[in-house]
Amino acid sequence: MTAFAFPRLTAAVLAGAVALTGISATPASAMNDRDRAALGLIVGLGVLAAIADGSEIPPRPPPAAAAAEA
Protein backbone atom coordinates (compact mmCIF):
# COMPACT_ATOMS: atom_id res chain seq x y z
CA MET A 1 0.00 0.00 0.00
CA THR A 2 2.93 2.33 0.30
CA ALA A 3 3.68 4.48 -2.71
CA PHE A 4 7.06 5.68 -1.41
CA ALA A 5 10.25 4.25 -2.75
CA PHE A 6 12.11 3.69 0.50
CA PRO A 7 15.61 3.45 -1.01
CA ARG A 8 15.13 6.82 -2.75
CA LEU A 9 13.65 8.37 0.40
CA THR A 10 16.52 7.05 2.50
CA ALA A 11 19.08 8.34 0.01
CA ALA A 12 17.43 11.77 -0.06
CA VAL A 13 17.38 12.01 3.75
CA LEU A 14 20.98 10.86 3.95
CA ALA A 15 22.12 13.37 1.32
CA GLY A 16 20.33 16.18 3.15
CA ALA A 17 21.84 15.20 6.49
CA VAL A 18 25.35 15.04 5.05
CA ALA A 19 24.93 18.42 3.36
CA LEU A 20 23.64 20.10 6.53
CA THR A 21 26.32 18.51 8.70
CA GLY A 22 29.10 19.74 6.42
CA ILE A 23 27.76 23.28 6.53
CA SER A 24 27.00 23.60 10.22
CA ALA A 25 29.58 21.43 11.96
CA THR A 26 32.71 22.81 13.55
CA PRO A 27 35.60 20.46 14.27
CA ALA A 28 36.18 19.54 17.89
CA SER A 29 39.50 20.61 19.35
CA ALA A 30 40.84 18.19 21.92
CA MET A 31 43.94 20.27 22.67
CA ASN A 32 44.16 23.54 24.49
CA ASP A 33 46.95 26.07 23.98
CA ARG A 34 49.21 24.52 26.62
CA ASP A 35 48.92 21.05 25.07
CA ARG A 36 49.57 22.47 21.62
CA ALA A 37 52.72 24.26 22.85
CA ALA A 38 53.97 21.07 24.51
CA LEU A 39 53.39 19.10 21.31
CA GLY A 40 55.27 21.73 19.32
CA LEU A 41 58.19 21.50 21.74
CA ILE A 42 58.33 17.71 21.49
CA VAL A 43 58.12 17.72 17.70
CA GLY A 44 60.75 20.47 17.49
CA LEU A 45 63.14 18.52 19.70
CA GLY A 46 62.58 15.44 17.56
CA VAL A 47 63.41 17.37 14.40
CA LEU A 48 66.57 18.78 15.98
CA ALA A 49 67.61 15.28 17.10
CA ALA A 50 67.08 13.91 13.59
CA ILE A 51 69.15 16.71 12.08
CA ALA A 52 71.94 16.21 14.61
CA ASP A 53 71.93 12.45 14.04
CA GLY A 54 72.06 12.87 10.28
CA SER A 55 75.07 15.18 10.41
CA GLU A 56 77.35 12.44 11.81
CA ILE A 57 77.60 10.54 8.52
CA PRO A 58 81.29 9.96 7.69
CA PRO A 59 82.43 11.64 4.46
CA ARG A 60 82.92 9.45 1.41
CA PRO A 61 86.49 9.05 0.15
CA PRO A 62 87.37 10.99 -2.96
CA PRO A 63 86.88 9.08 -6.24
CA ALA A 64 90.63 9.08 -7.01
CA ALA A 65 91.46 7.23 -3.78
CA ALA A 66 88.79 4.64 -4.43
CA ALA A 67 90.09 4.00 -7.97
CA ALA A 68 93.70 3.62 -6.74
CA GLU A 69 92.69 0.93 -4.24
CA ALA A 70 90.97 -1.20 -6.88
PDB file of N, CA and C in Angstrom:
ATOM      1  N   MET A   1       0.790  -1.192   0.000  1.00  0.00           N
ATOM      2  CA  MET A   1       0.000   0.000   0.000  1.00  0.00           C
ATOM      3  C   MET A   1       0.841   1.269   0.000  1.00  0.00           C
ATOM      4  N   THR A   2       2.100   1.123   0.250  1.00  0.00           N
ATOM      5  CA  THR A   2       2.928   2.326   0.296  1.00  0.00           C
ATOM      6  C   THR A   2       3.366   2.705  -1.110  1.00  0.00           C
ATOM      7  N   ALA A   3       3.301   3.987  -1.393  1.00  0.00           N
ATOM      8  CA  ALA A   3       3.685   4.478  -2.706  1.00  0.00           C
ATOM      9  C   ALA A   3       5.101   5.062  -2.688  1.00  0.00           C
ATOM     10  N   PHE A   4       5.708   5.126  -1.506  1.00  0.00           N
ATOM     11  CA  PHE A   4       7.063   5.682  -1.410  1.00  0.00           C
ATOM     12  C   PHE A   4       8.093   4.645  -1.824  1.00  0.00           C
ATOM     13  N   ALA A   5       9.109   5.111  -2.457  1.00  0.00           N
ATOM     14  CA  ALA A   5      10.250   4.254  -2.746  1.00  0.00           C
ATOM     15  C   ALA A   5      11.258   4.463  -1.605  1.00  0.00           C
ATOM     16  N   PHE A   6      11.297   3.522  -0.694  1.00  0.00           N
ATOM     17  CA  PHE A   6      12.107   3.695   0.501  1.00  0.00           C
ATOM     18  C   PHE A   6      13.599   3.871   0.219  1.00  0.00           C
ATOM     19  N   PRO A   7      14.200   3.185  -0.742  1.00  0.00           N
ATOM     20  CA  PRO A   7      15.613   3.453  -1.014  1.00  0.00           C
ATOM     21  C   PRO A   7      15.859   4.898  -1.480  1.00  0.00           C
ATOM     22  N   ARG A   8      14.963   5.428  -2.290  1.00  0.00           N
ATOM     23  CA  ARG A   8      15.131   6.819  -2.747  1.00  0.00           C
ATOM     24  C   ARG A   8      14.913   7.798  -1.595  1.00  0.00           C
ATOM     25  N   LEU A   9      13.921   7.513  -0.750  1.00  0.00           N
ATOM     26  CA  LEU A   9      13.655   8.375   0.398  1.00  0.00           C
ATOM     27  C   LEU A   9      14.835   8.357   1.367  1.00  0.00           C
ATOM     28  N   THR A  10      15.362   7.173   1.612  1.00  0.00           N
ATOM     29  CA  THR A  10      16.521   7.050   2.496  1.00  0.00           C
ATOM     30  C   THR A  10      17.719   7.783   1.919  1.00  0.00           C
ATOM     31  N   ALA A  11      17.959   7.655   0.649  1.00  0.00           N
ATOM     32  CA  ALA A  11      19.077   8.341   0.008  1.00  0.00           C
ATOM     33  C   ALA A  11      18.901   9.849   0.066  1.00  0.00           C
ATOM     34  N   ALA A  12      17.684  10.332  -0.115  1.00  0.00           N
ATOM     35  CA  ALA A  12      17.434  11.773  -0.059  1.00  0.00           C
ATOM     36  C   ALA A  12      17.647  12.317   1.353  1.00  0.00           C
ATOM     37  N   VAL A  13      17.180  11.585   2.357  1.00  0.00           N
ATOM     38  CA  VAL A  13      17.375  12.011   3.748  1.00  0.00           C
ATOM     39  C   VAL A  13      18.856  11.990   4.104  1.00  0.00           C
ATOM     40  N   LEU A  14      19.557  10.959   3.684  1.00  0.00           N
ATOM     41  CA  LEU A  14      20.984  10.860   3.951  1.00  0.00           C
ATOM     42  C   LEU A  14      21.754  11.988   3.273  1.00  0.00           C
ATOM     43  N   ALA A  15      21.438  12.290   2.035  1.00  0.00           N
ATOM     44  CA  ALA A  15      22.118  13.371   1.320  1.00  0.00           C
ATOM     45  C   ALA A  15      21.864  14.717   1.998  1.00  0.00           C
ATOM     46  N   GLY A  16      20.641  14.945   2.445  1.00  0.00           N
ATOM     47  CA  GLY A  16      20.331  16.182   3.149  1.00  0.00           C
ATOM     48  C   GLY A  16      21.066  16.291   4.470  1.00  0.00           C
ATOM     49  N   ALA A  17      21.138  15.185   5.206  1.00  0.00           N
ATOM     50  CA  ALA A  17      21.839  15.196   6.489  1.00  0.00           C
ATOM     51  C   ALA A  17      23.332  15.452   6.313  1.00  0.00           C
ATOM     52  N   VAL A  18      23.926  14.830   5.309  1.00  0.00           N
ATOM     53  CA  VAL A  18      25.348  15.040   5.051  1.00  0.00           C
ATOM     54  C   VAL A  18      25.609  16.481   4.631  1.00  0.00           C
ATOM     55  N   ALA A  19      24.751  17.037   3.812  1.00  0.00           N
ATOM     56  CA  ALA A  19      24.929  18.419   3.364  1.00  0.00           C
ATOM     57  C   ALA A  19      24.806  19.394   4.529  1.00  0.00           C
ATOM     58  N   LEU A  20      23.815  19.196   5.385  1.00  0.00           N
ATOM     59  CA  LEU A  20      23.642  20.098   6.526  1.00  0.00           C
ATOM     60  C   LEU A  20      24.754  19.941   7.553  1.00  0.00           C
ATOM     61  N   THR A  21      25.246  18.733   7.745  1.00  0.00           N
ATOM     62  CA  THR A  21      26.323  18.507   8.696  1.00  0.00           C
ATOM     63  C   THR A  21      27.603  19.183   8.224  1.00  0.00           C
ATOM     64  N   GLY A  22      27.890  19.100   6.941  1.00  0.00           N
ATOM     65  CA  GLY A  22      29.095  19.736   6.418  1.00  0.00           C
ATOM     66  C   GLY A  22      29.060  21.245   6.531  1.00  0.00           C
ATOM     67  N   ILE A  23      27.891  21.823   6.461  1.00  0.00           N
ATOM     68  CA  ILE A  23      27.759  23.278   6.530  1.00  0.00           C
ATOM     69  C   ILE A  23      27.834  23.773   7.974  1.00  0.00           C
ATOM     70  N   SER A  24      27.159  23.069   8.871  1.00  0.00           N
ATOM     71  CA  SER A  24      26.996  23.600  10.220  1.00  0.00           C
ATOM     72  C   SER A  24      28.000  23.085  11.242  1.00  0.00           C
ATOM     73  N   ALA A  25      28.708  22.030  10.957  1.00  0.00           N
ATOM     74  CA  ALA A  25      29.584  21.425  11.958  1.00  0.00           C
ATOM     75  C   ALA A  25      30.902  22.180  12.082  1.00  0.00           C
ATOM     76  N   THR A  26      31.377  22.275  13.289  1.00  0.00           N
ATOM     77  CA  THR A  26      32.715  22.808  13.549  1.00  0.00           C
ATOM     78  C   THR A  26      33.542  21.683  14.142  1.00  0.00           C
ATOM     79  N   PRO A  27      34.789  21.566  13.759  1.00  0.00           N
ATOM     80  CA  PRO A  27      35.597  20.461  14.269  1.00  0.00           C
ATOM     81  C   PRO A  27      35.879  20.622  15.763  1.00  0.00           C
ATOM     82  N   ALA A  28      35.901  19.522  16.460  1.00  0.00           N
ATOM     83  CA  ALA A  28      36.179  19.542  17.887  1.00  0.00           C
ATOM     84  C   ALA A  28      37.690  19.659  18.095  1.00  0.00           C
ATOM     85  N   SER A  29      38.082  20.452  19.035  1.00  0.00           N
ATOM     86  CA  SER A  29      39.495  20.613  19.348  1.00  0.00           C
ATOM     87  C   SER A  29      39.760  19.964  20.696  1.00  0.00           C
ATOM     88  N   ALA A  30      40.558  18.916  20.685  1.00  0.00           N
ATOM     89  CA  ALA A  30      40.841  18.193  21.921  1.00  0.00           C
ATOM     90  C   ALA A  30      42.034  18.771  22.652  1.00  0.00           C
ATOM     91  N   MET A  31      42.754  19.700  22.036  1.00  0.00           N
ATOM     92  CA  MET A  31      43.939  20.268  22.670  1.00  0.00           C
ATOM     93  C   MET A  31      43.713  21.734  22.999  1.00  0.00           C
ATOM     94  N   ASN A  32      44.176  22.122  24.157  1.00  0.00           N
ATOM     95  CA  ASN A  32      44.159  23.537  24.488  1.00  0.00           C
ATOM     96  C   ASN A  32      45.511  24.135  24.107  1.00  0.00           C
ATOM     97  N   ASP A  33      45.722  25.398  24.396  1.00  0.00           N
ATOM     98  CA  ASP A  33      46.951  26.072  23.978  1.00  0.00           C
ATOM     99  C   ASP A  33      48.187  25.479  24.643  1.00  0.00           C
ATOM    100  N   ARG A  34      48.059  25.085  25.906  1.00  0.00           N
ATOM    101  CA  ARG A  34      49.207  24.516  26.620  1.00  0.00           C
ATOM    102  C   ARG A  34      49.606  23.170  26.009  1.00  0.00           C
ATOM    103  N   ASP A  35      48.628  22.335  25.693  1.00  0.00           N
ATOM    104  CA  ASP A  35      48.921  21.047  25.067  1.00  0.00           C
ATOM    105  C   ASP A  35      49.542  21.231  23.688  1.00  0.00           C
ATOM    106  N   ARG A  36      49.043  22.199  22.952  1.00  0.00           N
ATOM    107  CA  ARG A  36      49.573  22.468  21.615  1.00  0.00           C
ATOM    108  C   ARG A  36      51.024  22.950  21.686  1.00  0.00           C
ATOM    109  N   ALA A  37      51.341  23.782  22.674  1.00  0.00           N
ATOM    110  CA  ALA A  37      52.715  24.257  22.847  1.00  0.00           C
ATOM    111  C   ALA A  37      53.636  23.105  23.242  1.00  0.00           C
ATOM    112  N   ALA A  38      53.155  22.219  24.104  1.00  0.00           N
ATOM    113  CA  ALA A  38      53.967  21.066  24.507  1.00  0.00           C
ATOM    114  C   ALA A  38      54.217  20.141  23.323  1.00  0.00           C
ATOM    115  N   LEU A  39      53.213  19.928  22.500  1.00  0.00           N
ATOM    116  CA  LEU A  39      53.390  19.096  21.310  1.00  0.00           C
ATOM    117  C   LEU A  39      54.389  19.727  20.354  1.00  0.00           C
ATOM    118  N   GLY A  40      54.311  21.038  20.178  1.00  0.00           N
ATOM    119  CA  GLY A  40      55.274  21.727  19.317  1.00  0.00           C
ATOM    120  C   GLY A  40      56.689  21.594  19.834  1.00  0.00           C
ATOM    121  N   LEU A  41      56.862  21.653  21.150  1.00  0.00           N
ATOM    122  CA  LEU A  41      58.185  21.498  21.743  1.00  0.00           C
ATOM    123  C   LEU A  41      58.728  20.095  21.494  1.00  0.00           C
ATOM    124  N   ILE A  42      57.886  19.095  21.686  1.00  0.00           N
ATOM    125  CA  ILE A  42      58.326  17.708  21.492  1.00  0.00           C
ATOM    126  C   ILE A  42      58.673  17.446  20.031  1.00  0.00           C
ATOM    127  N   VAL A  43      57.844  17.916  19.129  1.00  0.00           N
ATOM    128  CA  VAL A  43      58.124  17.720  17.696  1.00  0.00           C
ATOM    129  C   VAL A  43      59.382  18.477  17.291  1.00  0.00           C
ATOM    130  N   GLY A  44      59.549  19.689  17.801  1.00  0.00           N
ATOM    131  CA  GLY A  44      60.747  20.468  17.490  1.00  0.00           C
ATOM    132  C   GLY A  44      62.016  19.794  17.983  1.00  0.00           C
ATOM    133  N   LEU A  45      61.973  19.238  19.192  1.00  0.00           N
ATOM    134  CA  LEU A  45      63.144  18.516  19.702  1.00  0.00           C
ATOM    135  C   LEU A  45      63.432  17.268  18.876  1.00  0.00           C
ATOM    136  N   GLY A  46      62.380  16.610  18.422  1.00  0.00           N
ATOM    137  CA  GLY A  46      62.579  15.442  17.561  1.00  0.00           C
ATOM    138  C   GLY A  46      63.219  15.797  16.236  1.00  0.00           C
ATOM    139  N   VAL A  47      62.815  16.920  15.668  1.00  0.00           N
ATOM    140  CA  VAL A  47      63.412  17.373  14.404  1.00  0.00           C
ATOM    141  C   VAL A  47      64.873  17.732  14.613  1.00  0.00           C
ATOM    142  N   LEU A  48      65.173  18.435  15.695  1.00  0.00           N
ATOM    143  CA  LEU A  48      66.572  18.780  15.977  1.00  0.00           C
ATOM    144  C   LEU A  48      67.418  17.530  16.203  1.00  0.00           C
ATOM    145  N   ALA A  49      66.878  16.526  16.886  1.00  0.00           N
ATOM    146  CA  ALA A  49      67.610  15.281  17.102  1.00  0.00           C
ATOM    147  C   ALA A  49      67.866  14.557  15.784  1.00  0.00           C
ATOM    148  N   ALA A  50      66.894  14.562  14.887  1.00  0.00           N
ATOM    149  CA  ALA A  50      67.078  13.910  13.589  1.00  0.00           C
ATOM    150  C   ALA A  50      68.132  14.629  12.758  1.00  0.00           C
ATOM    151  N   ILE A  51      68.147  15.948  12.817  1.00  0.00           N
ATOM    152  CA  ILE A  51      69.145  16.714  12.080  1.00  0.00           C
ATOM    153  C   ILE A  51      70.532  16.456  12.653  1.00  0.00           C
ATOM    154  N   ALA A  52      70.638  16.448  13.979  1.00  0.00           N
ATOM    155  CA  ALA A  52      71.940  16.209  14.612  1.00  0.00           C
ATOM    156  C   ALA A  52      72.434  14.798  14.328  1.00  0.00           C
ATOM    157  N   ASP A  53      71.546  13.835  14.323  1.00  0.00           N
ATOM    158  CA  ASP A  53      71.932  12.453  14.043  1.00  0.00           C
ATOM    159  C   ASP A  53      72.357  12.288  12.588  1.00  0.00           C
ATOM    160  N   GLY A  54      71.726  12.983  11.690  1.00  0.00           N
ATOM    161  CA  GLY A  54      72.062  12.874  10.276  1.00  0.00           C
ATOM    162  C   GLY A  54      73.361  13.560   9.909  1.00  0.00           C
ATOM    163  N   SER A  55      73.843  14.454  10.740  1.00  0.00           N
ATOM    164  CA  SER A  55      75.074  15.175  10.409  1.00  0.00           C
ATOM    165  C   SER A  55      76.319  14.383  10.760  1.00  0.00           C
ATOM    166  N   GLU A  56      76.189  13.233  11.414  1.00  0.00           N
ATOM    167  CA  GLU A  56      77.352  12.444  11.812  1.00  0.00           C
ATOM    168  C   GLU A  56      77.715  11.364  10.790  1.00  0.00           C
ATOM    169  N   ILE A  57      77.277  11.488   9.576  1.00  0.00           N
ATOM    170  CA  ILE A  57      77.605  10.536   8.525  1.00  0.00           C
ATOM    171  C   ILE A  57      79.050  10.791   8.089  1.00  0.00           C
ATOM    172  N   PRO A  58      79.896   9.742   8.084  1.00  0.00           N
ATOM    173  CA  PRO A  58      81.292   9.965   7.685  1.00  0.00           C
ATOM    174  C   PRO A  58      81.385  10.354   6.208  1.00  0.00           C
ATOM    175  N   PRO A  59      82.306  11.227   5.872  1.00  0.00           N
ATOM    176  CA  PRO A  59      82.435  11.640   4.465  1.00  0.00           C
ATOM    177  C   PRO A  59      82.932  10.489   3.602  1.00  0.00           C
ATOM    178  N   ARG A  60      82.477  10.476   2.363  1.00  0.00           N
ATOM    179  CA  ARG A  60      82.924   9.455   1.412  1.00  0.00           C
ATOM    180  C   ARG A  60      84.326   9.786   0.945  1.00  0.00           C
ATOM    181  N   PRO A  61      85.135   8.760   0.671  1.00  0.00           N
ATOM    182  CA  PRO A  61      86.492   9.048   0.155  1.00  0.00           C
ATOM    183  C   PRO A  61      86.408   9.640  -1.245  1.00  0.00           C
ATOM    184  N   PRO A  62      87.382  10.419  -1.617  1.00  0.00           N
ATOM    185  CA  PRO A  62      87.375  10.988  -2.964  1.00  0.00           C
ATOM    186  C   PRO A  62      87.432   9.886  -4.015  1.00  0.00           C
ATOM    187  N   PRO A  63      86.892  10.124  -5.201  1.00  0.00           N
ATOM    188  CA  PRO A  63      86.880   9.083  -6.241  1.00  0.00           C
ATOM    189  C   PRO A  63      88.271   8.618  -6.646  1.00  0.00           C
ATOM    190  N   ALA A  64      89.285   9.476  -6.604  1.00  0.00           N
ATOM    191  CA  ALA A  64      90.626   9.076  -7.010  1.00  0.00           C
ATOM    192  C   ALA A  64      91.210   8.039  -6.053  1.00  0.00           C
ATOM    193  N   ALA A  65      90.967   8.188  -4.767  1.00  0.00           N
ATOM    194  CA  ALA A  65      91.463   7.229  -3.779  1.00  0.00           C
ATOM    195  C   ALA A  65      90.763   5.897  -3.935  1.00  0.00           C
ATOM    196  N   ALA A  66      89.509   5.892  -4.251  1.00  0.00           N
ATOM    197  CA  ALA A  66      88.785   4.642  -4.434  1.00  0.00           C
ATOM    198  C   ALA A  66      89.254   3.906  -5.684  1.00  0.00           C
ATOM    199  N   ALA A  67      89.608   4.638  -6.737  1.00  0.00           N
ATOM    200  CA  ALA A  67      90.090   4.004  -7.969  1.00  0.00           C
ATOM    201  C   ALA A  67      91.495   3.460  -7.784  1.00  0.00           C
ATOM    202  N   ALA A  68      92.326   4.085  -6.959  1.00  0.00           N
ATOM    203  CA  ALA A  68      93.700   3.622  -6.738  1.00  0.00           C
ATOM    204  C   ALA A  68      93.721   2.325  -5.923  1.00  0.00           C
ATOM    205  N   GLU A  69      92.745   2.137  -5.053  1.00  0.00           N
ATOM    206  CA  GLU A  69      92.693   0.932  -4.240  1.00  0.00           C
ATOM    207  C   GLU A  69      92.244  -0.275  -5.058  1.00  0.00           C
ATOM    208  N   ALA A  70      91.512  -0.082  -6.115  1.00  0.00           N
ATOM    209  CA  ALA A  70      90.967  -1.204  -6.881  1.00  0.00           C
ATOM    210  C   ALA A  70      91.927  -1.808  -7.820  1.00  0.00           C
TER     211      ALA A  70
END
